[in-house]
Amino acid sequence: MTAVGSYPMRSDAAELAEMLLWAAGIPYSTVADDAYPSEPRRRVRLFVEDADANDAVAVLTDQLPATRFEND
């Protein structure tokens, strides 16, 4: 699995990214940073299969150009 995006938890950008991947037919999974629930800067990360990573990044960067992508 490859991380293709990192977004603020419960943000419109995170939900939009999920919808874009779904619409493109790219299966994804999300991992929420719930380790510190009181932390105001919690994130949700989107993961796709390695074979879909380039397509997913292309879809997301085309539709969300201001989004910061992290692959860690």
N, C-alpha and C. Protein backbone atom coordinates (compact mmCIF):
# COMPACT_ATOMS: atom_id res chain seq x y z
N MET A 1 0.83 -1.18 0.00
CA MET A 1 0.00 0.00 0.00
C MET A 1 0.89 1.25 0.00
N THR A 2 0.41 2.27 -0.70
CA THR A 2 1.13 3.53 -0.81
C THR A 2 0.25 4.67 -0.33
N ALA A 3 0.78 5.54 0.50
CA ALA A 3 0.06 6.73 0.94
C ALA A 3 0.05 7.74 -0.21
N VAL A 4 -1.14 8.22 -0.55
CA VAL A 4 -1.26 9.18 -1.65
C VAL A 4 -1.77 10.53 -1.20
N GLY A 5 -2.11 10.67 0.06
CA GLY A 5 -2.58 11.96 0.54
C GLY A 5 -2.71 11.98 2.04
N SER A 6 -2.58 13.17 2.59
CA SER A 6 -2.74 13.39 4.02
C SER A 6 -3.53 14.68 4.17
N TYR A 7 -4.63 14.60 4.93
CA TYR A 7 -5.55 15.73 5.02
C TYR A 7 -5.96 15.95 6.46
N PRO A 8 -6.37 17.17 6.78
CA PRO A 8 -6.91 17.40 8.13
C PRO A 8 -8.14 16.51 8.34
N MET A 9 -8.25 15.95 9.51
CA MET A 9 -9.38 15.08 9.83
C MET A 9 -10.69 15.83 9.68
N ARG A 10 -11.68 15.15 9.13
CA ARG A 10 -13.03 15.67 8.95
C ARG A 10 -13.06 16.96 8.12
N SER A 11 -12.19 17.06 7.16
CA SER A 11 -12.18 18.24 6.31
C SER A 11 -12.87 17.94 4.98
N ASP A 12 -13.31 19.00 4.32
CA ASP A 12 -13.91 18.83 3.00
C ASP A 12 -12.90 18.23 2.02
N ALA A 13 -11.63 18.61 2.14
CA ALA A 13 -10.61 18.09 1.23
C ALA A 13 -10.46 16.58 1.37
N ALA A 14 -10.51 16.08 2.60
CA ALA A 14 -10.39 14.64 2.81
C ALA A 14 -11.57 13.90 2.20
N GLU A 15 -12.77 14.42 2.41
CA GLU A 15 -13.95 13.78 1.84
C GLU A 15 -13.95 13.86 0.32
N LEU A 16 -13.52 15.00 -0.22
CA LEU A 16 -13.46 15.15 -1.67
C LEU A 16 -12.44 14.18 -2.27
N ALA A 17 -11.30 14.04 -1.63
CA ALA A 17 -10.28 13.10 -2.13
C ALA A 17 -10.83 11.68 -2.16
N GLU A 18 -11.55 11.28 -1.12
CA GLU A 18 -12.15 9.94 -1.10
C GLU A 18 -13.15 9.79 -2.24
N MET A 19 -13.98 10.80 -2.47
CA MET A 19 -14.97 10.72 -3.55
C MET A 19 -14.30 10.66 -4.91
N LEU A 20 -13.20 11.40 -5.10
CA LEU A 20 -12.50 11.39 -6.38
C LEU A 20 -11.91 10.01 -6.66
N LEU A 21 -11.31 9.41 -5.67
CA LEU A 21 -10.75 8.07 -5.86
C LEU A 21 -11.87 7.07 -6.14
N TRP A 22 -12.95 7.17 -5.40
CA TRP A 22 -14.09 6.27 -5.63
C TRP A 22 -14.61 6.42 -7.05
N ALA A 23 -14.80 7.69 -7.50
CA ALA A 23 -15.33 7.95 -8.84
C ALA A 23 -14.39 7.43 -9.93
N ALA A 24 -13.09 7.45 -9.65
CA ALA A 24 -12.10 6.97 -10.62
C ALA A 24 -11.97 5.45 -10.58
N GLY A 25 -12.68 4.81 -9.66
CA GLY A 25 -12.61 3.35 -9.56
C GLY A 25 -11.33 2.85 -8.92
N ILE A 26 -10.71 3.70 -8.12
CA ILE A 26 -9.46 3.32 -7.45
C ILE A 26 -9.78 2.96 -6.00
N PRO A 27 -9.61 1.68 -5.65
CA PRO A 27 -9.87 1.29 -4.26
C PRO A 27 -8.88 1.98 -3.33
N TYR A 28 -9.37 2.39 -2.17
CA TYR A 28 -8.52 3.09 -1.21
C TYR A 28 -8.91 2.67 0.19
N SER A 29 -8.04 2.99 1.12
CA SER A 29 -8.38 2.84 2.53
C SER A 29 -7.86 4.07 3.26
N THR A 30 -8.48 4.35 4.38
CA THR A 30 -8.10 5.52 5.15
C THR A 30 -7.58 5.07 6.51
N VAL A 31 -6.64 5.84 7.02
CA VAL A 31 -6.12 5.61 8.36
C VAL A 31 -6.17 6.96 9.06
N ALA A 32 -6.92 7.00 10.15
CA ALA A 32 -7.05 8.23 10.92
C ALA A 32 -6.04 8.25 12.05
N ASP A 33 -5.51 9.41 12.31
CA ASP A 33 -4.58 9.59 13.42
C ASP A 33 -5.40 9.84 14.68
N ASP A 34 -5.85 8.75 15.29
CA ASP A 34 -6.67 8.86 16.50
C ASP A 34 -5.87 8.64 17.78
N ALA A 35 -4.57 8.60 17.66
CA ALA A 35 -3.75 8.32 18.83
C ALA A 35 -3.89 9.40 19.90
N TYR A 36 -4.07 10.64 19.46
CA TYR A 36 -4.20 11.76 20.38
C TYR A 36 -5.46 12.54 20.02
N PRO A 37 -6.64 12.08 20.48
CA PRO A 37 -7.90 12.70 20.05
C PRO A 37 -8.03 14.18 20.40
N SER A 38 -7.30 14.66 21.37
CA SER A 38 -7.41 16.08 21.72
C SER A 38 -6.51 16.96 20.85
N GLU A 39 -5.65 16.34 20.06
CA GLU A 39 -4.73 17.09 19.18
C GLU A 39 -5.55 17.75 18.07
N PRO A 40 -5.50 19.07 17.95
CA PRO A 40 -6.31 19.75 16.94
C PRO A 40 -5.84 19.53 15.50
N ARG A 41 -4.63 19.04 15.33
CA ARG A 41 -4.10 18.88 13.97
C ARG A 41 -4.10 17.43 13.52
N ARG A 42 -5.09 16.66 13.96
CA ARG A 42 -5.16 15.26 13.55
C ARG A 42 -5.32 15.17 12.04
N ARG A 43 -4.83 14.06 11.47
CA ARG A 43 -4.85 13.87 10.03
C ARG A 43 -5.52 12.56 9.67
N VAL A 44 -5.97 12.48 8.44
CA VAL A 44 -6.42 11.22 7.87
C VAL A 44 -5.56 10.99 6.64
N ARG A 45 -5.06 9.78 6.48
CA ARG A 45 -4.20 9.45 5.35
C ARG A 45 -4.93 8.48 4.43
N LEU A 46 -4.76 8.70 3.14
CA LEU A 46 -5.36 7.82 2.13
C LEU A 46 -4.29 6.91 1.56
N PHE A 47 -4.62 5.62 1.47
CA PHE A 47 -3.71 4.62 0.93
C PHE A 47 -4.38 3.92 -0.24
N VAL A 48 -3.58 3.59 -1.25
CA VAL A 48 -4.04 2.80 -2.38
C VAL A 48 -3.03 1.68 -2.63
N GLU A 49 -3.44 0.71 -3.42
CA GLU A 49 -2.50 -0.35 -3.81
C GLU A 49 -1.35 0.28 -4.58
N ASP A 50 -0.17 -0.29 -4.45
CA ASP A 50 1.02 0.24 -5.12
C ASP A 50 0.79 0.43 -6.62
N ALA A 51 0.10 -0.52 -7.24
CA ALA A 51 -0.13 -0.45 -8.69
C ALA A 51 -1.03 0.72 -9.09
N ASP A 52 -1.83 1.23 -8.15
CA ASP A 52 -2.75 2.34 -8.44
C ASP A 52 -2.20 3.70 -8.00
N ALA A 53 -1.03 3.72 -7.40
CA ALA A 53 -0.53 4.96 -6.80
C ALA A 53 -0.37 6.09 -7.81
N ASN A 54 0.23 5.84 -8.95
CA ASN A 54 0.43 6.92 -9.93
C ASN A 54 -0.90 7.47 -10.43
N ASP A 55 -1.86 6.58 -10.70
CA ASP A 55 -3.18 7.03 -11.15
C ASP A 55 -3.88 7.84 -10.06
N ALA A 56 -3.78 7.39 -8.83
CA ALA A 56 -4.42 8.09 -7.72
C ALA A 56 -3.83 9.49 -7.53
N VAL A 57 -2.53 9.59 -7.56
CA VAL A 57 -1.89 10.90 -7.41
C VAL A 57 -2.29 11.81 -8.56
N ALA A 58 -2.36 11.27 -9.78
CA ALA A 58 -2.77 12.08 -10.93
C ALA A 58 -4.19 12.61 -10.76
N VAL A 59 -5.10 11.75 -10.31
CA VAL A 59 -6.49 12.17 -10.09
C VAL A 59 -6.55 13.25 -9.02
N LEU A 60 -5.86 13.03 -7.92
CA LEU A 60 -5.93 13.97 -6.81
C LEU A 60 -5.26 15.30 -7.11
N THR A 61 -4.11 15.27 -7.76
CA THR A 61 -3.43 16.54 -8.05
C THR A 61 -4.15 17.32 -9.13
N ASP A 62 -4.85 16.62 -10.02
CA ASP A 62 -5.62 17.32 -11.05
C ASP A 62 -6.81 18.03 -10.44
N GLN A 63 -7.45 17.42 -9.47
CA GLN A 63 -8.67 17.97 -8.87
C GLN A 63 -8.41 18.78 -7.60
N LEU A 64 -7.33 18.52 -6.91
CA LEU A 64 -7.00 19.20 -5.66
C LEU A 64 -5.58 19.75 -5.73
N PRO A 65 -5.31 20.72 -6.62
CA PRO A 65 -3.94 21.17 -6.83
C PRO A 65 -3.26 21.77 -5.61
N ALA A 66 -4.03 22.27 -4.66
CA ALA A 66 -3.42 22.88 -3.48
C ALA A 66 -3.17 21.88 -2.36
N THR A 67 -3.51 20.63 -2.59
CA THR A 67 -3.37 19.61 -1.56
C THR A 67 -1.91 19.22 -1.39
N ARG A 68 -1.52 19.07 -0.17
CA ARG A 68 -0.16 18.62 0.15
C ARG A 68 -0.17 17.10 0.25
N PHE A 69 0.65 16.46 -0.54
CA PHE A 69 0.73 15.00 -0.52
C PHE A 69 1.96 14.57 0.23
N GLU A 70 1.78 13.53 1.02
CA GLU A 70 2.89 13.00 1.82
C GLU A 70 2.99 11.51 1.55
N ASN A 71 4.17 11.04 1.35
CA ASN A 71 4.42 9.60 1.17
C ASN A 71 5.38 9.12 2.24
N ASP A 72 4.92 9.08 3.46
CA ASP A 72 5.78 8.57 4.53
C ASP A 72 5.11 7.47 5.26
